[in-house]
C-alpha cells in the first residue's frame, strides 16, 4: 500500500464522529424488504448478514428499507463480488419513487479478474442526474468488508468510504442547481447485470459460467428523519427543521482533516469527473462546477 493510501486511514473527525455516535443499528430482516427476486437473497446471523446473488442477465436481487426518509445518514458494510465480476453492478443508494425522482448513488462496477472495480457516484434531483464522479478504490473491496455511508442534509451530500469522505455535492438550489430536499427516499441494496456498459464501456462482457455472482452486506445503520413520524404531507417541513441533529451548523462542512483526506482521494483515485468533461458539455461545464464542492 502506498503512502497516500496509508494517509487515508487517518482517524475520523467532526462530521464522521457525529455520524458514528448517531447511527442506529437496523437489521436486514426486520427493517428491510426484498423487492426483486427474493430467491436470490439470503439472510443469516439473525438478519445482520445479507447476500445478494446475480444468477443470470435478468435475475439479480434488490433490498429496500421499510422506512422512507428525508435527510440523515445511511450506511452499510459491503464485500463485493470476487474474481471475474465484469458486467456486474452492486449498489447501495437512496431513491424516491415516481416521476422526477431524487437519488444518491454508490454503484460498484465489476471488472476482469485482477483489475480494479470502479466506484461510481451520482446524484439526481427532480429527475436530473448526470453528476457522475468515479474512483478506483485504494483497497481490495472483495477481500473484506468496507463501510459505505451516504450523509444528506440541507447543505450538502457526502459520500464516505471507511470514514473517509470521497465527494461532496453542495446545495446550490438558490442558484438554479437541483438538489434533493422534498421527496421521501428509501435506501436500497442491489446486484444486477449491465454488461452493455459497466466494464470498460461494455467491451468486456460477463462470463456467465462464473455465476452466481455474490455480494455480501453486513450491519445496515440508519439515522434518518423517518417520514412515518410526520406523514407524507408533513415530512418535508418537519425534516427540514433546524432542531434535527443533522442540521447542526458544523455539519454543513467538512473539517480541515476531512478536506485533506477527500482531496487526497480525488487527486490520487479519481478516474472520471463530470465537471472536468468539457467535451460532454460542448466546452462548458454545469454551473455548480464553478462553485465550491467541499
Protein backbone atom coordinates (compact mmCIF):
# COMPACT_ATOMS: atom_id res chain seq x y z
CA UNK A 1 0.00 0.00 0.00
CA UNK A 2 1.39 3.43 -0.99
CA UNK A 3 1.99 6.30 1.38
CA UNK A 4 -1.03 8.19 0.04
CA UNK A 5 -3.30 5.20 0.69
CA UNK A 6 -1.93 4.85 4.22
CA UNK A 7 -2.61 8.52 4.85
CA UNK A 8 -6.28 7.96 4.04
CA UNK A 9 -6.65 5.75 7.10
CA UNK A 10 -6.37 8.67 9.49
CA UNK A 11 -8.76 8.81 12.43
CA UNK A 12 -12.25 10.12 11.71
CA UNK A 13 -13.06 13.65 12.85
CA UNK A 14 -16.00 16.06 13.29
CA UNK A 15 -18.68 15.00 10.80
CA UNK A 16 -17.86 11.30 10.75
CA UNK A 17 -17.53 11.19 14.52
CA UNK A 18 -21.01 12.67 14.83
CA UNK A 19 -22.36 10.15 12.36
CA UNK A 20 -20.88 7.23 14.27
CA UNK A 21 -22.38 8.45 17.52
CA UNK A 22 -25.79 8.96 15.96
CA UNK A 23 -26.13 5.80 13.87
CA UNK A 24 -28.93 3.47 14.83
CA UNK A 25 -28.37 -0.19 14.11
CA UNK A 26 -31.03 -1.68 11.88
CA UNK A 27 -31.49 -5.21 10.65
CA UNK A 28 -31.90 -6.52 7.12
CA UNK A 29 -34.57 -8.97 8.24
CA UNK A 30 -36.68 -6.64 10.37
CA UNK A 31 -36.10 -3.29 8.73
CA UNK A 32 -35.99 -4.15 5.02
CA UNK A 33 -37.98 -5.92 2.30
CA UNK A 34 -36.69 -7.90 -0.68
CA UNK A 35 -38.47 -6.21 -3.58
CA UNK A 36 -36.95 -8.10 -6.54
CA UNK A 37 -36.06 -11.78 -6.96
CA UNK A 38 -36.26 -12.79 -3.29
CA UNK A 39 -34.97 -16.28 -4.12
CA UNK A 40 -31.58 -14.66 -4.81
CA UNK A 41 -31.33 -13.03 -1.38
CA UNK A 42 -30.28 -14.85 1.78
CA UNK A 43 -30.06 -13.62 5.36
CA UNK A 44 -28.48 -15.23 8.38
CA UNK A 45 -27.00 -14.26 11.74
CA UNK A 46 -30.40 -13.01 12.79
CA UNK A 47 -30.69 -10.73 9.78
CA UNK A 48 -27.36 -8.97 10.25
CA UNK A 49 -25.72 -10.65 7.24
CA UNK A 50 -27.14 -10.48 3.72
CA UNK A 51 -26.07 -11.96 0.40
CA UNK A 52 -27.47 -10.84 -2.94
CA UNK A 53 -26.80 -13.01 -5.98
CA UNK A 54 -26.81 -12.34 -9.71
CA UNK A 55 -27.60 -15.63 -11.42
CA UNK A 56 -28.39 -14.53 -14.98
CA UNK A 57 -28.62 -11.38 -17.07
CA UNK A 58 -32.23 -10.96 -15.98
CA UNK A 59 -32.16 -12.30 -12.42
CA UNK A 60 -30.39 -10.35 -9.69
CA UNK A 61 -31.88 -9.10 -6.44
CA UNK A 62 -32.85 -5.93 -4.57
CA UNK A 63 -33.46 -4.97 -0.95
CA UNK A 64 -35.27 -1.83 0.23
CA UNK A 65 -35.67 -0.31 3.68
CA UNK A 66 -39.14 -0.16 5.13
CA UNK A 67 -38.53 3.43 6.22
CA UNK A 68 -38.92 6.41 3.95
CA UNK A 69 -36.97 9.46 4.99
CA UNK A 70 -35.71 12.91 4.12
CA UNK A 71 -32.18 13.72 5.35
CA UNK A 72 -29.87 11.82 7.66
CA UNK A 73 -27.24 9.16 7.32
CA UNK A 74 -27.39 5.60 5.95
CA UNK A 75 -24.52 3.15 5.93
CA UNK A 76 -23.68 -0.50 5.44
CA UNK A 77 -20.64 -2.71 5.09
CA UNK A 78 -20.16 -4.49 1.75
CA UNK A 79 -17.82 -7.15 0.42
CA UNK A 80 -18.01 -7.07 -3.36
CA UNK A 81 -18.10 -9.94 -5.84
CA UNK A 82 -14.78 -11.78 -6.00
CA UNK A 83 -12.87 -12.82 -9.12
CA UNK A 84 -14.20 -12.03 -12.58
CA UNK A 85 -17.05 -9.60 -11.87
CA UNK A 86 -17.14 -7.99 -15.33
CA UNK A 87 -20.55 -6.70 -16.32
CA UNK A 88 -21.96 -6.79 -12.79
CA UNK A 89 -23.18 -3.81 -10.78
CA UNK A 90 -23.50 -3.94 -6.99
CA UNK A 91 -25.21 -0.95 -5.38
CA UNK A 92 -26.03 0.92 -2.21
CA UNK A 93 -28.13 4.03 -2.76
CA UNK A 94 -31.11 6.11 -1.73
CA UNK A 95 -34.00 6.95 -4.04
CA UNK A 96 -37.51 8.31 -4.11
CA UNK A 97 -40.27 6.57 -6.07
CA UNK A 98 -42.14 8.03 -9.01
CA UNK A 99 -41.61 10.72 -11.61
CA UNK A 100 -38.87 13.36 -11.34
CA UNK A 101 -37.18 11.23 -8.73
CA UNK A 102 -34.32 12.06 -6.35
CA UNK A 103 -31.44 9.60 -5.90
CA UNK A 104 -27.98 9.40 -4.30
CA UNK A 105 -25.80 6.59 -5.62
CA UNK A 106 -22.97 4.30 -4.73
CA UNK A 107 -22.57 1.83 -7.62
CA UNK A 108 -19.70 -0.64 -7.85
CA UNK A 109 -18.86 -1.64 -11.41
CA UNK A 110 -17.18 -5.02 -11.73
CA UNK A 111 -14.11 -5.87 -13.77
CA UNK A 112 -12.00 -8.74 -15.06
CA UNK A 113 -10.03 -10.77 -12.52
CA UNK A 114 -7.10 -8.77 -11.24
CA UNK A 115 -8.38 -5.41 -12.47
CA UNK A 116 -9.88 -2.85 -10.09
CA UNK A 117 -13.51 -2.07 -9.51
CA UNK A 118 -14.94 1.33 -10.39
CA UNK A 119 -16.71 3.20 -7.57
CA UNK A 120 -19.41 5.20 -9.34
CA UNK A 121 -21.23 8.05 -7.55
CA UNK A 122 -24.08 10.18 -8.81
CA UNK A 123 -26.96 12.34 -7.60
CA UNK A 124 -30.38 13.00 -9.12
CA UNK A 125 -32.73 15.81 -8.12
CA UNK A 126 -36.08 16.49 -9.76
CA UNK A 127 -35.21 13.71 -12.20
CA UNK A 128 -31.99 15.43 -13.30
CA UNK A 129 -28.79 13.45 -12.87
CA UNK A 130 -25.57 13.25 -14.88
CA UNK A 131 -23.46 14.38 -11.91
CA UNK A 132 -21.09 11.42 -12.04
CA UNK A 133 -17.76 11.03 -10.29
CA UNK A 134 -15.89 7.73 -10.46
CA UNK A 135 -12.97 6.43 -8.41
CA UNK A 136 -10.60 3.49 -8.23
CA UNK A 137 -10.60 2.03 -4.69
CA UNK A 138 -7.30 2.25 -2.79
CA UNK A 139 -8.02 -1.20 -1.29
CA UNK A 140 -9.33 -4.56 -2.46
CA UNK A 141 -13.12 -4.28 -1.96
CA UNK A 142 -13.55 -8.04 -2.44
CA UNK A 143 -11.15 -9.17 0.28
CA UNK A 144 -13.05 -7.82 3.26
CA UNK A 145 -15.99 -5.65 4.26
CA UNK A 146 -15.76 -1.89 3.88
CA UNK A 147 -18.17 0.70 5.20
CA UNK A 148 -20.07 2.91 2.76
CA UNK A 149 -22.02 5.91 4.09
CA UNK A 150 -24.28 8.49 2.49
CA UNK A 151 -24.82 11.62 4.59
CA UNK A 152 -27.51 14.03 3.39
CA UNK A 153 -28.73 17.29 4.88
CA UNK A 154 -29.98 20.63 3.56
CA UNK A 155 -26.43 21.88 2.99
CA UNK A 156 -24.74 19.00 1.22
CA UNK A 157 -24.43 15.34 0.37
CA UNK A 158 -21.27 13.50 1.41
CA UNK A 159 -20.14 10.04 0.26
CA UNK A 160 -17.83 8.22 2.71
CA UNK A 161 -15.78 5.04 2.42
CA UNK A 162 -14.44 3.75 5.74
CA UNK A 163 -14.94 7.16 7.38
CA UNK A 164 -13.09 8.93 4.54
CA UNK A 165 -15.10 11.48 2.54
CA UNK A 166 -14.58 10.96 -1.16
CA UNK A 167 -17.04 13.50 -2.56
CA UNK A 168 -19.29 16.43 -1.60
CA UNK A 169 -22.24 17.79 -3.57
CA UNK A 170 -23.45 21.07 -2.09
CA UNK A 171 -26.91 22.61 -2.22
CA UNK A 172 -26.91 25.36 -4.83
CA UNK A 173 -30.64 25.29 -5.46
CA UNK A 174 -30.75 29.05 -4.91
CA UNK A 175 -28.54 29.31 -7.98
CA UNK A 176 -30.82 27.03 -10.01
CA UNK A 177 -28.98 23.74 -9.45
CA UNK A 178 -31.43 20.95 -8.49
CA UNK A 179 -30.84 19.46 -5.03
CA UNK A 180 -32.97 16.83 -3.26
CA UNK A 181 -34.93 18.34 -0.38
CA UNK A 182 -38.62 17.38 -0.67
CA UNK A 183 -39.05 13.78 -1.81
CA UNK A 184 -39.06 10.87 0.59
CA UNK A 185 -36.37 8.29 -0.10
CA UNK A 186 -35.76 4.64 0.66
CA UNK A 187 -32.31 3.07 0.98
CA UNK A 188 -31.65 0.24 -1.48
CA UNK A 189 -29.08 -2.50 -1.98
CA UNK A 190 -28.97 -4.50 -5.21
CA UNK A 191 -27.00 -6.52 -7.71
CA UNK A 192 -27.82 -6.58 -11.41
CA UNK A 193 -26.38 -7.17 -14.88
CA UNK A 194 -25.09 -4.33 -17.06
CA UNK A 195 -22.58 -5.92 -19.39
CA UNK A 196 -23.54 -3.49 -22.17
CA UNK A 197 -21.79 -0.61 -20.34
CA UNK A 198 -20.46 -1.43 -16.87
CA UNK A 199 -16.98 -2.79 -17.65
CA UNK A 200 -14.64 -0.85 -19.90
CA UNK A 201 -17.57 0.76 -21.67
CA UNK A 202 -19.16 -2.59 -22.44
CA UNK A 203 -16.12 -4.01 -24.21
CA UNK A 204 -15.75 -6.75 -21.59
CA UNK A 205 -18.80 -8.97 -21.20
CA UNK A 206 -19.96 -11.10 -18.29
CA UNK A 207 -18.66 -14.66 -18.10
CA UNK A 208 -21.89 -16.36 -17.10
CA UNK A 209 -20.08 -19.63 -16.44
CA UNK A 210 -18.89 -17.91 -13.23
CA UNK A 211 -22.44 -17.27 -11.98
CA UNK A 212 -23.79 -16.85 -9.41
CA UNK A 213 -22.05 -13.57 -8.59
CA UNK A 214 -22.48 -12.90 -4.88
CA UNK A 215 -22.17 -9.62 -2.95
CA UNK A 216 -22.24 -9.64 0.86
CA UNK A 217 -23.64 -6.97 3.17
CA UNK A 218 -23.42 -6.50 6.94
CA UNK A 219 -24.65 -4.11 9.58
CA UNK A 220 -27.04 -1.67 7.98
CA UNK A 221 -27.30 1.53 10.04
CA UNK A 222 -29.93 4.22 9.66
CA UNK A 223 -30.09 7.62 11.32
CA UNK A 224 -32.73 9.37 9.29
CA UNK A 225 -35.76 11.62 9.57
CA UNK A 226 -38.41 8.91 9.38
CA UNK A 227 -41.40 10.17 7.43
CA UNK A 228 -43.72 7.77 9.23
CA UNK A 229 -43.43 10.08 12.23
CA UNK A 230 -44.90 13.04 10.35
CA UNK A 231 -46.97 11.71 7.47
CA UNK A 232 -46.27 12.27 3.80
CA UNK A 233 -47.53 15.85 3.79
CA UNK A 234 -45.69 16.94 6.91
CA UNK A 235 -42.43 15.13 6.31
CA UNK A 236 -40.56 17.68 4.14
CA UNK A 237 -41.10 20.60 6.51
CA UNK A 238 -40.59 18.61 9.71
CA UNK A 239 -37.39 17.04 8.40
CA UNK A 240 -36.16 20.49 7.37
CA UNK A 241 -36.39 21.75 10.95
CA UNK A 242 -33.16 23.20 12.33
CA UNK A 243 -33.69 21.20 15.52
CA UNK A 244 -32.74 17.92 13.81
CA UNK A 245 -29.30 16.54 14.63
CA UNK A 246 -28.08 16.61 11.02
CA UNK A 247 -28.96 20.31 10.72
CA UNK A 248 -26.28 21.43 13.17
CA UNK A 249 -24.17 24.23 11.65
CA UNK A 250 -20.92 22.29 11.98
CA UNK A 251 -22.42 19.51 9.83
CA UNK A 252 -22.62 21.85 6.85
CA UNK A 253 -18.92 21.49 6.13
CA UNK A 254 -16.07 19.04 6.39
CA UNK A 255 -13.32 19.51 8.91
CA UNK A 256 -9.87 20.54 7.72
CA UNK A 257 -8.64 17.00 8.20
CA UNK A 258 -11.52 15.57 6.23
CA UNK A 259 -10.88 18.07 3.45
CA UNK A 260 -7.29 16.84 3.24
CA UNK A 261 -8.49 13.25 3.12
CA UNK A 262 -11.02 13.98 0.39
CA UNK A 263 -8.53 15.93 -1.70
CA UNK A 264 -6.04 13.04 -1.40
CA UNK A 265 -8.64 10.61 -2.71
CA UNK A 266 -9.70 12.89 -5.52
CA UNK A 267 -6.12 13.62 -6.58
CA UNK A 268 -4.99 10.02 -6.42
CA UNK A 269 -8.01 7.92 -7.36
CA UNK A 270 -10.50 9.92 -9.47
CA UNK A 271 -10.97 8.40 -12.92
CA UNK A 272 -13.94 10.49 -14.08
CA UNK A 273 -15.41 13.83 -13.01
CA UNK A 274 -18.30 15.30 -14.96
CA UNK A 275 -17.05 18.77 -14.06
CA UNK A 276 -13.81 18.08 -15.95
CA UNK A 277 -15.55 16.72 -19.06
CA UNK A 278 -15.70 19.77 -21.27
CA UNK A 279 -16.34 17.68 -24.37
CA UNK A 280 -19.57 16.42 -22.86
CA UNK A 281 -20.88 19.96 -22.49
CA UNK A 282 -19.51 21.47 -25.72
CA UNK A 283 -16.67 23.26 -23.99
CA UNK A 284 -18.66 24.40 -20.96
CA UNK A 285 -19.50 22.76 -17.63
CA UNK A 286 -22.62 22.82 -15.42
CA UNK A 287 -22.89 25.89 -13.19
CA UNK A 288 -22.21 24.07 -9.92
CA UNK A 289 -18.79 23.05 -11.22
CA UNK A 290 -17.57 26.62 -10.77
CA UNK A 291 -18.86 26.72 -7.20
CA UNK A 292 -17.36 25.27 -4.03
CA UNK A 293 -17.92 21.49 -3.70
CA UNK A 294 -16.43 20.77 -0.28
